[in-house]
């Protein structure tokens, strides 16, 4: 489940660069 969450976040970051989550990485 955690892996899926990480993948989802990664996809979101790649799809929408400059997102708030981008700062987390």
Foldseek 3Di string as FASTA:
>chain_A
DVVVVVVVVVVVCVVPPPDPCVVVD
